[in-house]
C-alpha atoms as a PDB file:
ATOM      1  CA  MET A   1     134.647  63.514 -10.316  1.00  0.00           C
ATOM      2  CA  GLN A   2     131.083  62.279  -9.796  1.00  0.00           C
ATOM      3  CA  ILE A   3     129.870  59.546 -12.142  1.00  0.00           C
ATOM      4  CA  ALA A   4     126.180  58.700 -12.421  1.00  0.00           C
ATOM      5  CA  ALA A   5     124.687  55.780 -14.335  1.00  0.00           C
ATOM      6  CA  ILE A   6     121.202  56.310 -15.736  1.00  0.00           C
ATOM      7  CA  ILE A   7     119.181  53.519 -17.354  1.00  0.00           C
ATOM      8  CA  PRO A   8     116.361  54.845 -19.572  1.00  0.00           C
ATOM      9  CA  ALA A   9     113.391  52.483 -19.760  1.00  0.00           C
ATOM     10  CA  ARG A  10     109.986  52.929 -21.359  1.00  0.00           C
ATOM     11  CA  TYR A  11     107.137  50.483 -21.157  1.00  0.00           C
ATOM     12  CA  ALA A  12     105.887  50.895 -24.729  1.00  0.00           C
ATOM     13  CA  SER A  13     107.845  49.171 -27.489  1.00  0.00           C
ATOM     14  CA  THR A  14     106.807  48.435 -31.044  1.00  0.00           C
ATOM     15  CA  ARG A  15     108.577  45.093 -31.175  1.00  0.00           C
ATOM     16  CA  PHE A  16     108.233  44.123 -27.514  1.00  0.00           C
ATOM     17  CA  PRO A  17     105.637  45.964 -25.361  1.00  0.00           C
ATOM     18  CA  GLY A  18     106.465  45.851 -21.653  1.00  0.00           C
ATOM     19  CA  LYS A  19     110.029  44.741 -22.359  1.00  0.00           C
ATOM     20  CA  PRO A  20     111.629  46.237 -19.202  1.00  0.00           C
ATOM     21  CA  LEU A  21     109.397  44.052 -17.032  1.00  0.00           C
ATOM     22  CA  ALA A  22     109.923  40.832 -18.978  1.00  0.00           C
ATOM     23  CA  THR A  23     111.128  38.097 -16.628  1.00  0.00           C
ATOM     24  CA  ILE A  24     114.681  36.897 -17.160  1.00  0.00           C
ATOM     25  CA  ALA A  25     115.836  34.083 -14.890  1.00  0.00           C
ATOM     26  CA  GLY A  26     113.453  35.126 -12.138  1.00  0.00           C
ATOM     27  CA  TYR A  27     113.925  38.905 -12.246  1.00  0.00           C
ATOM     28  CA  PRO A  28     112.428  41.717 -14.328  1.00  0.00           C
ATOM     29  CA  MET A  29     114.904  42.621 -17.069  1.00  0.00           C
ATOM     30  CA  ILE A  30     115.279  46.213 -15.856  1.00  0.00           C
ATOM     31  CA  VAL A  31     116.281  44.875 -12.424  1.00  0.00           C
ATOM     32  CA  ARG A  32     118.884  42.608 -14.027  1.00  0.00           C
ATOM     33  CA  VAL A  33     120.383  45.613 -15.799  1.00  0.00           C
ATOM     34  CA  TYR A  34     120.285  47.729 -12.645  1.00  0.00           C
ATOM     35  CA  GLN A  35     122.052  45.034 -10.643  1.00  0.00           C
ATOM     36  CA  GLN A  36     124.844  44.690 -13.210  1.00  0.00           C
ATOM     37  CA  VAL A  37     125.422  48.441 -13.421  1.00  0.00           C
ATOM     38  CA  SER A  38     125.421  48.791  -9.636  1.00  0.00           C
ATOM     39  CA  LEU A  39     128.394  46.415  -9.445  1.00  0.00           C
ATOM     40  CA  THR A  40     130.588  48.971 -11.235  1.00  0.00           C
ATOM     41  CA  GLU A  41     132.913  50.423  -8.605  1.00  0.00           C
ATOM     42  CA  ILE A  42     133.748  53.512 -10.666  1.00  0.00           C
ATOM     43  CA  VAL A  43     130.064  54.560 -10.701  1.00  0.00           C
ATOM     44  CA  ASP A  44     128.894  56.596  -7.712  1.00  0.00           C
ATOM     45  CA  PHE A  45     125.152  55.962  -8.069  1.00  0.00           C
ATOM     46  CA  THR A  46     122.663  54.339 -10.448  1.00  0.00           C
ATOM     47  CA  ILE A  47     119.073  55.272 -11.282  1.00  0.00           C
ATOM     48  CA  VAL A  48     116.410  54.144 -13.733  1.00  0.00           C
ATOM     49  CA  ALA A  49     114.612  56.864 -15.718  1.00  0.00           C
ATOM     50  CA  THR A  50     111.171  55.784 -16.892  1.00  0.00           C
ATOM     51  CA  ASP A  51     107.705  56.975 -17.870  1.00  0.00           C
ATOM     52  CA  ASP A  52     105.807  54.155 -16.195  1.00  0.00           C
ATOM     53  CA  LEU A  53     105.015  53.618 -12.517  1.00  0.00           C
ATOM     54  CA  ARG A  54     105.094  49.843 -12.992  1.00  0.00           C
ATOM     55  CA  ILE A  55     108.787  50.075 -13.825  1.00  0.00           C
ATOM     56  CA  VAL A  56     109.434  52.375 -10.852  1.00  0.00           C
ATOM     57  CA  ARG A  57     107.753  49.901  -8.508  1.00  0.00           C
ATOM     58  CA  ALA A  58     109.663  46.938  -9.923  1.00  0.00           C
ATOM     59  CA  VAL A  59     113.022  48.684  -9.432  1.00  0.00           C
ATOM     60  CA  GLU A  60     112.185  49.897  -5.930  1.00  0.00           C
ATOM     61  CA  GLU A  61     110.901  46.472  -4.920  1.00  0.00           C
ATOM     62  CA  TYR A  62     114.441  45.140  -5.374  1.00  0.00           C
ATOM     63  CA  GLY A  63     116.074  48.060  -3.562  1.00  0.00           C
ATOM     64  CA  GLY A  64     116.895  50.205  -6.581  1.00  0.00           C
ATOM     65  CA  GLU A  65     116.229  53.869  -7.330  1.00  0.00           C
ATOM     66  CA  ALA A  66     114.021  55.097 -10.166  1.00  0.00           C
ATOM     67  CA  VAL A  67     112.656  58.475 -11.275  1.00  0.00           C
ATOM     68  CA  MET A  68     109.657  59.362 -13.392  1.00  0.00           C
ATOM     69  CA  THR A  69     110.263  61.293 -16.603  1.00  0.00           C
ATOM     70  CA  SER A  70     107.995  62.686 -19.294  1.00  0.00           C
ATOM     71  CA  SER A  71     105.980  60.277 -21.431  1.00  0.00           C
ATOM     72  CA  SER A  72     106.401  62.535 -24.468  1.00  0.00           C
ATOM     73  CA  HIS A  73     110.089  61.828 -25.101  1.00  0.00           C
ATOM     74  CA  SER A  74     110.780  60.539 -28.597  1.00  0.00           C
ATOM     75  CA  SER A  75     114.142  58.996 -27.685  1.00  0.00           C
ATOM     76  CA  GLY A  76     116.061  57.420 -24.843  1.00  0.00           C
ATOM     77  CA  THR A  77     118.598  60.249 -25.003  1.00  0.00           C
ATOM     78  CA  ASP A  78     115.915  62.842 -24.264  1.00  0.00           C
ATOM     79  CA  ARG A  79     114.751  60.771 -21.277  1.00  0.00           C
ATOM     80  CA  LEU A  80     118.357  60.433 -20.143  1.00  0.00           C
ATOM     81  CA  ALA A  81     118.939  64.182 -20.405  1.00  0.00           C
ATOM     82  CA  GLU A  82     115.833  64.986 -18.341  1.00  0.00           C
ATOM     83  CA  ALA A  83     117.073  62.697 -15.568  1.00  0.00           C
ATOM     84  CA  ALA A  84     120.655  63.986 -15.871  1.00  0.00           C
ATOM     85  CA  ALA A  85     119.499  67.587 -15.448  1.00  0.00           C
ATOM     86  CA  GLY A  86     118.350  66.671 -11.945  1.00  0.00           C
ATOM     87  CA  VAL A  87     121.543  65.020 -10.715  1.00  0.00           C
ATOM     88  CA  GLU A  88     124.912  66.374  -9.681  1.00  0.00           C
ATOM     89  CA  ALA A  89     127.515  64.520 -11.724  1.00  0.00           C
ATOM     90  CA  ASP A  90     130.355  65.277 -14.119  1.00  0.00           C
ATOM     91  CA  ILE A  91     129.950  62.132 -16.211  1.00  0.00           C
ATOM     92  CA  ILE A  92     126.745  60.361 -17.182  1.00  0.00           C
ATOM     93  CA  VAL A  93     126.753  56.677 -18.089  1.00  0.00           C
ATOM     94  CA  ASN A  94     123.853  55.566 -20.276  1.00  0.00           C
ATOM     95  CA  VAL A  95     123.188  51.826 -20.185  1.00  0.00           C
ATOM     96  CA  GLN A  96     120.354  50.567 -22.354  1.00  0.00           C
ATOM     97  CA  GLY A  97     117.593  48.851 -20.407  1.00  0.00           C
ATOM     98  CA  ASP A  98     117.692  45.806 -22.690  1.00  0.00           C
ATOM     99  CA  GLU A  99     121.308  44.840 -21.931  1.00  0.00           C
ATOM    100  CA  PRO A 100     120.941  42.453 -18.946  1.00  0.00           C
ATOM    101  CA  LEU A 101     124.370  40.910 -19.567  1.00  0.00           C
ATOM    102  CA  ILE A 102     126.320  44.176 -19.472  1.00  0.00           C
ATOM    103  CA  LYS A 103     129.525  43.788 -17.441  1.00  0.00           C
ATOM    104  CA  PRO A 104     130.859  46.302 -14.896  1.00  0.00           C
ATOM    105  CA  GLU A 105     134.318  46.224 -16.472  1.00  0.00           C
ATOM    106  CA  MET A 106     132.827  47.341 -19.778  1.00  0.00           C
ATOM    107  CA  ILE A 107     131.292  50.394 -18.141  1.00  0.00           C
ATOM    108  CA  ALA A 108     134.620  51.201 -16.490  1.00  0.00           C
ATOM    109  CA  GLN A 109     136.390  50.848 -19.849  1.00  0.00           C
ATOM    110  CA  ALA A 110     134.067  53.340 -21.552  1.00  0.00           C
ATOM    111  CA  VAL A 111     134.402  55.839 -18.689  1.00  0.00           C
ATOM    112  CA  THR A 112     138.189  55.617 -18.862  1.00  0.00           C
ATOM    113  CA  ILE A 113     138.155  56.345 -22.610  1.00  0.00           C
ATOM    114  CA  LEU A 114     136.182  59.547 -22.021  1.00  0.00           C
ATOM    115  CA  GLN A 115     138.427  60.617 -19.175  1.00  0.00           C
ATOM    116  CA  GLN A 116     141.665  60.073 -21.106  1.00  0.00           C
ATOM    117  CA  ASP A 117     140.758  61.521 -24.524  1.00  0.00           C
ATOM    118  CA  LYS A 118     140.204  65.252 -24.123  1.00  0.00           C
ATOM    119  CA  GLU A 119     139.037  65.688 -27.735  1.00  0.00           C
ATOM    120  CA  ILE A 120     135.880  63.610 -27.350  1.00  0.00           C
ATOM    121  CA  LYS A 121     132.588  64.418 -25.665  1.00  0.00           C
ATOM    122  CA  MET A 122     131.217  60.887 -25.504  1.00  0.00           C
ATOM    123  CA  ALA A 123     132.436  57.307 -25.605  1.00  0.00           C
ATOM    124  CA  THR A 124     130.984  53.893 -26.327  1.00  0.00           C
ATOM    125  CA  LEU A 125     132.038  50.280 -26.945  1.00  0.00           C
ATOM    126  CA  ALA A 126     132.048  47.743 -29.764  1.00  0.00           C
ATOM    127  CA  ALA A 127     132.858  44.054 -30.039  1.00  0.00           C
ATOM    128  CA  PRO A 128     134.155  41.865 -32.886  1.00  0.00           C
ATOM    129  CA  ALA A 129     131.331  40.394 -34.953  1.00  0.00           C
ATOM    130  CA  GLY A 130     131.021  37.793 -37.673  1.00  0.00           C
ATOM    131  CA  PRO A 131     129.291  38.109 -41.062  1.00  0.00           C
ATOM    132  CA  LYS A 132     125.963  36.790 -39.728  1.00  0.00           C
ATOM    133  CA  ILE A 133     125.684  39.561 -37.140  1.00  0.00           C
ATOM    134  CA  ALA A 134     126.932  42.087 -39.681  1.00  0.00           C
ATOM    135  CA  ARG A 135     123.975  41.291 -41.934  1.00  0.00           C
ATOM    136  CA  ASP A 136     121.426  41.588 -39.090  1.00  0.00           C
ATOM    137  CA  PRO A 137     119.758  45.050 -39.166  1.00  0.00           C
ATOM    138  CA  ASP A 138     118.939  44.751 -35.453  1.00  0.00           C
ATOM    139  CA  ARG A 139     122.683  44.724 -34.679  1.00  0.00           C
ATOM    140  CA  VAL A 140     124.318  48.104 -35.187  1.00  0.00           C
ATOM    141  CA  LYS A 141     127.793  48.150 -36.710  1.00  0.00           C
ATOM    142  CA  VAL A 142     130.488  50.812 -36.398  1.00  0.00           C
ATOM    143  CA  VAL A 143     133.650  51.669 -38.333  1.00  0.00           C
ATOM    144  CA  LEU A 144     136.567  53.514 -36.710  1.00  0.00           C
ATOM    145  CA  ASP A 145     139.402  55.826 -37.651  1.00  0.00           C
ATOM    146  CA  GLN A 146     143.055  55.310 -36.721  1.00  0.00           C
ATOM    147  CA  GLN A 147     142.482  56.770 -33.231  1.00  0.00           C
ATOM    148  CA  ASN A 148     139.558  54.419 -32.486  1.00  0.00           C
ATOM    149  CA  ARG A 149     136.990  57.152 -32.926  1.00  0.00           C
ATOM    150  CA  ALA A 150     133.742  56.449 -34.717  1.00  0.00           C
ATOM    151  CA  LEU A 151     133.501  57.283 -38.403  1.00  0.00           C
ATOM    152  CA  TYR A 152     129.988  55.917 -38.884  1.00  0.00           C
ATOM    153  CA  PHE A 153     127.339  53.687 -37.350  1.00  0.00           C
ATOM    154  CA  SER A 154     124.941  51.670 -39.486  1.00  0.00           C
ATOM    155  CA  ARG A 155     122.427  48.847 -39.496  1.00  0.00           C
ATOM    156  CA  ALA A 156     124.040  47.721 -42.744  1.00  0.00           C
ATOM    157  CA  ALA A 157     127.133  45.506 -42.937  1.00  0.00           C
ATOM    158  CA  ILE A 158     129.939  48.046 -42.854  1.00  0.00           C
ATOM    159  CA  PRO A 159     132.623  48.216 -44.077  1.00  0.00           C
ATOM    160  CA  ALA A 160     131.907  46.551 -47.413  1.00  0.00           C
ATOM    161  CA  THR A 161     134.266  43.646 -48.067  1.00  0.00           C
ATOM    162  CA  ARG A 162     136.037  43.140 -51.387  1.00  0.00           C
ATOM    163  CA  SER A 163     138.788  40.771 -50.306  1.00  0.00           C
ATOM    164  CA  ASN A 164     139.289  37.623 -48.227  1.00  0.00           C
ATOM    165  CA  ASN A 165     141.338  39.474 -45.622  1.00  0.00           C
ATOM    166  CA  CYS A 166     139.307  39.225 -42.408  1.00  0.00           C
ATOM    167  CA  GLN A 167     141.092  42.053 -40.572  1.00  0.00           C
ATOM    168  CA  ARG A 168     142.311  45.542 -41.405  1.00  0.00           C
ATOM    169  CA  GLU A 169     145.341  47.387 -40.132  1.00  0.00           C
ATOM    170  CA  SER A 170     144.857  50.356 -37.822  1.00  0.00           C
ATOM    171  CA  GLY A 171     147.077  52.645 -35.820  1.00  0.00           C
ATOM    172  CA  SER A 172     146.614  50.400 -32.791  1.00  0.00           C
ATOM    173  CA  GLY A 173     147.079  47.097 -34.621  1.00  0.00           C
ATOM    174  CA  LYS A 174     144.602  44.846 -36.406  1.00  0.00           C
ATOM    175  CA  GLN A 175     140.877  45.300 -36.054  1.00  0.00           C
ATOM    176  CA  PRO A 176     138.155  42.761 -36.863  1.00  0.00           C
ATOM    177  CA  GLU A 177     136.431  43.244 -40.171  1.00  0.00           C
ATOM    178  CA  PHE A 178     133.098  43.924 -38.454  1.00  0.00           C
ATOM    179  CA  LEU A 179     132.458  45.627 -35.118  1.00  0.00           C
ATOM    180  CA  GLN A 180     129.078  45.376 -33.416  1.00  0.00           C
ATOM    181  CA  HIS A 181     128.127  48.435 -31.414  1.00  0.00           C
ATOM    182  CA  ILE A 182     127.200  47.803 -27.777  1.00  0.00           C
ATOM    183  CA  GLY A 183     124.348  49.793 -26.190  1.00  0.00           C
ATOM    184  CA  LEU A 184     126.452  51.740 -23.727  1.00  0.00           C
ATOM    185  CA  TYR A 185     127.350  55.440 -23.812  1.00  0.00           C
ATOM    186  CA  VAL A 186     129.338  57.709 -21.533  1.00  0.00           C
ATOM    187  CA  TYR A 187     128.890  61.487 -21.807  1.00  0.00           C
ATOM    188  CA  GLN A 188     130.292  64.609 -20.307  1.00  0.00           C
ATOM    189  CA  ARG A 189     127.145  65.815 -18.541  1.00  0.00           C
ATOM    190  CA  GLU A 190     127.136  69.295 -20.075  1.00  0.00           C
ATOM    191  CA  PHE A 191     127.561  67.832 -23.552  1.00  0.00           C
ATOM    192  CA  LEU A 192     124.640  65.465 -22.981  1.00  0.00           C
ATOM    193  CA  LEU A 193     122.367  68.390 -22.160  1.00  0.00           C
ATOM    194  CA  THR A 194     123.550  70.187 -25.304  1.00  0.00           C
ATOM    195  CA  PHE A 195     123.266  67.074 -27.449  1.00  0.00           C
ATOM    196  CA  SER A 196     119.667  66.376 -26.440  1.00  0.00           C
ATOM    197  CA  GLY A 197     118.731  69.882 -27.592  1.00  0.00           C
ATOM    198  CA  LEU A 198     120.054  69.367 -31.123  1.00  0.00           C
ATOM    199  CA  GLN A 199     117.576  68.671 -33.890  1.00  0.00           C
ATOM    200  CA  PRO A 200     117.478  65.129 -35.326  1.00  0.00           C
ATOM    201  CA  THR A 201     119.726  64.883 -38.368  1.00  0.00           C
ATOM    202  CA  PRO A 202     119.149  63.287 -41.801  1.00  0.00           C
ATOM    203  CA  LEU A 203     121.356  60.227 -41.293  1.00  0.00           C
ATOM    204  CA  GLU A 204     120.065  59.747 -37.764  1.00  0.00           C
ATOM    205  CA  LYS A 205     116.509  59.599 -39.088  1.00  0.00           C
ATOM    206  CA  ARG A 206     117.443  57.355 -42.004  1.00  0.00           C
ATOM    207  CA  GLU A 207     119.254  54.776 -39.849  1.00  0.00           C
ATOM    208  CA  SER A 208     117.169  55.390 -36.703  1.00  0.00           C
ATOM    209  CA  LEU A 209     120.395  55.787 -34.712  1.00  0.00           C
ATOM    210  CA  GLU A 210     120.712  58.727 -32.331  1.00  0.00           C
ATOM    211  CA  GLN A 211     124.496  58.595 -32.113  1.00  0.00           C
ATOM    212  CA  LEU A 212     124.700  59.746 -35.733  1.00  0.00           C
ATOM    213  CA  ARG A 213     123.354  63.116 -34.565  1.00  0.00           C
ATOM    214  CA  ALA A 214     126.634  63.686 -32.745  1.00  0.00           C
ATOM    215  CA  LEU A 215     128.762  62.729 -35.757  1.00  0.00           C
ATOM    216  CA  GLU A 216     126.677  64.814 -38.148  1.00  0.00           C
ATOM    217  CA  ASN A 217     127.216  67.825 -35.899  1.00  0.00           C
ATOM    218  CA  GLY A 218     130.982  67.332 -35.871  1.00  0.00           C
ATOM    219  CA  TYR A 219     131.410  65.792 -32.411  1.00  0.00           C
ATOM    220  CA  LYS A 220     133.864  62.939 -31.898  1.00  0.00           C
ATOM    221  CA  ILE A 221     132.928  59.634 -30.289  1.00  0.00           C
ATOM    222  CA  GLY A 222     135.623  57.443 -28.752  1.00  0.00           C
ATOM    223  CA  VAL A 223     135.111  53.689 -29.129  1.00  0.00           C
ATOM    224  CA  GLY A 224     136.653  50.961 -26.999  1.00  0.00           C
ATOM    225  CA  ILE A 225     136.899  47.424 -28.365  1.00  0.00           C
ATOM    226  CA  CYS A 226     135.989  44.673 -25.914  1.00  0.00           C
ATOM    227  CA  ARG A 227     134.889  41.073 -25.853  1.00  0.00           C
ATOM    228  CA  HIS A 228     131.203  40.715 -26.543  1.00  0.00           C
ATOM    229  CA  HIS A 229     129.174  40.274 -23.366  1.00  0.00           C
ATOM    230  CA  GLY A 230     126.265  38.408 -24.906  1.00  0.00           C
ATOM    231  CA  PRO A 231     123.037  39.285 -26.699  1.00  0.00           C
ATOM    232  CA  GLY A 232     120.746  42.143 -25.829  1.00  0.00           C
ATOM    233  CA  VAL A 233     116.979  41.721 -25.859  1.00  0.00           C
ATOM    234  CA  ASP A 234     115.218  43.146 -28.910  1.00  0.00           C
ATOM    235  CA  ARG A 235     112.365  40.643 -29.181  1.00  0.00           C
ATOM    236  CA  PRO A 236     110.716  38.081 -26.858  1.00  0.00           C
ATOM    237  CA  GLU A 237     112.583  35.233 -28.541  1.00  0.00           C
ATOM    238  CA  ASP A 238     115.922  36.734 -27.418  1.00  0.00           C
ATOM    239  CA  ILE A 239     115.177  35.981 -23.756  1.00  0.00           C
ATOM    240  CA  ALA A 240     115.958  32.263 -24.039  1.00  0.00           C
ATOM    241  CA  ALA A 241     119.511  32.940 -25.249  1.00  0.00           C
ATOM    242  CA  VAL A 242     120.128  35.416 -22.420  1.00  0.00           C
ATOM    243  CA  GLU A 243     118.770  33.020 -19.786  1.00  0.00           C
ATOM    244  CA  GLU A 244     120.989  30.210 -21.072  1.00  0.00           C
ATOM    245  CA  ILE A 245     124.065  32.385 -20.556  1.00  0.00           C
ATOM    246  CA  ILE A 246     122.919  33.350 -17.049  1.00  0.00           C
ATOM    247  CA  PHE A 247     122.220  29.729 -16.089  1.00  0.00           C
ATOM    248  CA  GLN A 248     125.615  28.597 -17.395  1.00  0.00           C
ATOM    249  CA  LYS A 249     127.326  31.327 -15.390  1.00  0.00           C
ATOM    250  CA  GLU A 250     125.469  30.339 -12.236  1.00  0.00           C
ATOM    251  CA  LYS A 251     126.593  26.741 -12.758  1.00  0.00           C
ATOM    252  CA  GLY A 252     130.162  27.926 -13.152  1.00  0.00           C
ATOM    253  CA  GLU A 253     130.477  26.669 -16.717  1.00  0.00           C
END
């Protein structure tokens, strides 16, 4: 079974223009992400899908592979689907281009969830989060059913809390009160191509979260719970926190 990892990256960003090329500990951020994904043994090949030649050149300069996609895409999923249509693979891994601390074992975990649960078409990950993160609209939260499948994703603090109990019981044991969604998806390739052709849905547009399109159309999303890998990069001020983690790791701390 062929597994391809595709990293969508666009140069324009409302909050952080040119974000993929922002320098993080000496490397462009998109290169950092590419390097982390490429370490995943379960993945057969990795490519960056972008609409900007500057990003292509940056990836290729460090020995990576990148493809140009349309500049008219309104979402990362549409860019991903265009790139996926041109590759031969059974499973497509979508790693967000602003997750430079993503770990190979996390990618492998999400792939395994998709392979083992025949009732789902896509899988993702989440990590335990505290109340501060839960209240941050930049950090997406998810709530799960008893089979660890997503019930809903939101920028709001879900679930609402009306007791002091910090964990809830589930079919697989106790789960943290809040789960922060991690920007990693794994799709069956044919489902991805179908999914990208669906019209945006009301909740998707309200929350500005593409994964809600799948739930609103009745598709199931498997969710693996893992240890948080560190912050993503939403704004320029997030870079310092990411670099501190990288420097500590390089020092062996």
